[in-house]
């Protein structure tokens, strides 16, 4: 975990390893829909396109991208559910 994510309480973790676009985006949107405003989703992806797709998802939905961490062939994202969805 990075300094940015220390102390962040994760409400749900979604592992989308091995899935290609658009599945990580679709599954992340479904999981965020289950959370309450302000709760955090930790999302793990291996699709390199996720580095662009997940921040775009957060912007479109009104969620906050707290941090991104590259882990070799994987990426971890921490998304805080916003109030607009």
Protein backbone atom coordinates (compact mmCIF):
# COMPACT_ATOMS: atom_id res chain seq x y z
CA UNK A 1 0.00 0.00 0.00
CA UNK A 2 1.26 3.48 -0.82
CA UNK A 3 1.44 6.43 1.57
CA UNK A 4 -1.65 7.80 -0.19
CA UNK A 5 -3.71 4.78 0.83
CA UNK A 6 -2.49 4.30 4.40
CA UNK A 7 -5.35 4.64 6.78
CA UNK A 8 -7.96 4.28 4.04
CA UNK A 9 -10.66 1.85 5.08
CA UNK A 10 -11.47 -0.38 2.11
CA UNK A 11 -15.13 -1.42 2.00
CA UNK A 12 -14.71 -3.90 -0.87
CA UNK A 13 -11.96 -5.43 -2.99
CA UNK A 14 -12.54 -6.51 -6.57
CA UNK A 15 -9.93 -8.61 -8.38
CA UNK A 16 -10.30 -8.30 -12.15
CA UNK A 17 -6.99 -9.99 -12.92
CA UNK A 18 -7.04 -11.64 -16.33
CA UNK A 19 -10.05 -9.67 -17.57
CA UNK A 20 -9.80 -7.38 -20.57
CA UNK A 21 -11.69 -4.18 -21.39
CA UNK A 22 -14.54 -3.54 -20.95
CA UNK A 23 -14.99 -6.10 -18.14
CA UNK A 24 -12.87 -4.38 -15.42
CA UNK A 25 -14.74 -1.11 -16.01
CA UNK A 26 -18.12 -2.83 -16.06
CA UNK A 27 -17.46 -4.89 -12.92
CA UNK A 28 -16.00 -1.87 -11.08
CA UNK A 29 -19.11 0.18 -11.89
CA UNK A 30 -21.35 -2.61 -10.60
CA UNK A 31 -19.33 -2.93 -7.38
CA UNK A 32 -19.27 0.84 -6.80
CA UNK A 33 -23.03 0.83 -7.23
CA UNK A 34 -23.30 -1.44 -4.17
CA UNK A 35 -21.28 0.91 -1.95
CA UNK A 36 -22.44 3.86 0.13
CA UNK A 37 -21.18 7.37 -0.63
CA UNK A 38 -17.67 7.78 0.74
CA UNK A 39 -16.85 4.07 0.85
CA UNK A 40 -13.70 2.87 -0.92
CA UNK A 41 -13.29 0.14 -3.51
CA UNK A 42 -9.90 -1.45 -4.02
CA UNK A 43 -9.68 -2.69 -7.61
CA UNK A 44 -6.96 -4.98 -8.99
CA UNK A 45 -6.49 -5.19 -12.78
CA UNK A 46 -3.99 -6.71 -15.20
CA UNK A 47 -5.30 -5.04 -18.37
CA UNK A 48 -2.85 -2.21 -19.19
CA UNK A 49 -5.76 -0.24 -20.64
CA UNK A 50 -7.14 0.05 -17.11
CA UNK A 51 -4.60 2.80 -16.41
CA UNK A 52 -6.70 5.03 -18.67
CA UNK A 53 -10.09 3.35 -18.35
CA UNK A 54 -10.48 3.36 -14.56
CA UNK A 55 -9.66 7.08 -14.07
CA UNK A 56 -12.12 7.84 -16.89
CA UNK A 57 -14.77 5.74 -15.14
CA UNK A 58 -14.23 7.68 -11.91
CA UNK A 59 -14.56 11.03 -13.70
CA UNK A 60 -17.72 9.98 -15.54
CA UNK A 61 -19.39 8.62 -12.41
CA UNK A 62 -18.30 11.44 -10.09
CA UNK A 63 -16.16 9.13 -7.95
CA UNK A 64 -12.74 10.04 -6.55
CA UNK A 65 -9.63 8.17 -7.64
CA UNK A 66 -7.61 8.13 -4.42
CA UNK A 67 -4.52 6.32 -5.69
CA UNK A 68 -3.07 4.08 -8.36
CA UNK A 69 -0.24 1.64 -7.75
CA UNK A 70 1.54 -0.36 -10.42
CA UNK A 71 2.49 -3.85 -9.24
CA UNK A 72 4.52 -5.45 -12.01
CA UNK A 73 1.93 -6.63 -14.53
CA UNK A 74 -0.97 -5.53 -12.34
CA UNK A 75 -2.43 -2.23 -11.24
CA UNK A 76 -4.27 -1.42 -8.04
CA UNK A 77 -6.79 1.41 -7.83
CA UNK A 78 -8.55 2.89 -4.82
CA UNK A 79 -11.85 4.56 -5.71
CA UNK A 80 -14.06 6.47 -3.29
CA UNK A 81 -17.72 6.41 -4.26
CA UNK A 82 -19.05 9.87 -4.99
CA UNK A 83 -22.48 11.34 -4.41
CA UNK A 84 -23.65 11.54 -8.04
CA UNK A 85 -24.26 7.81 -8.55
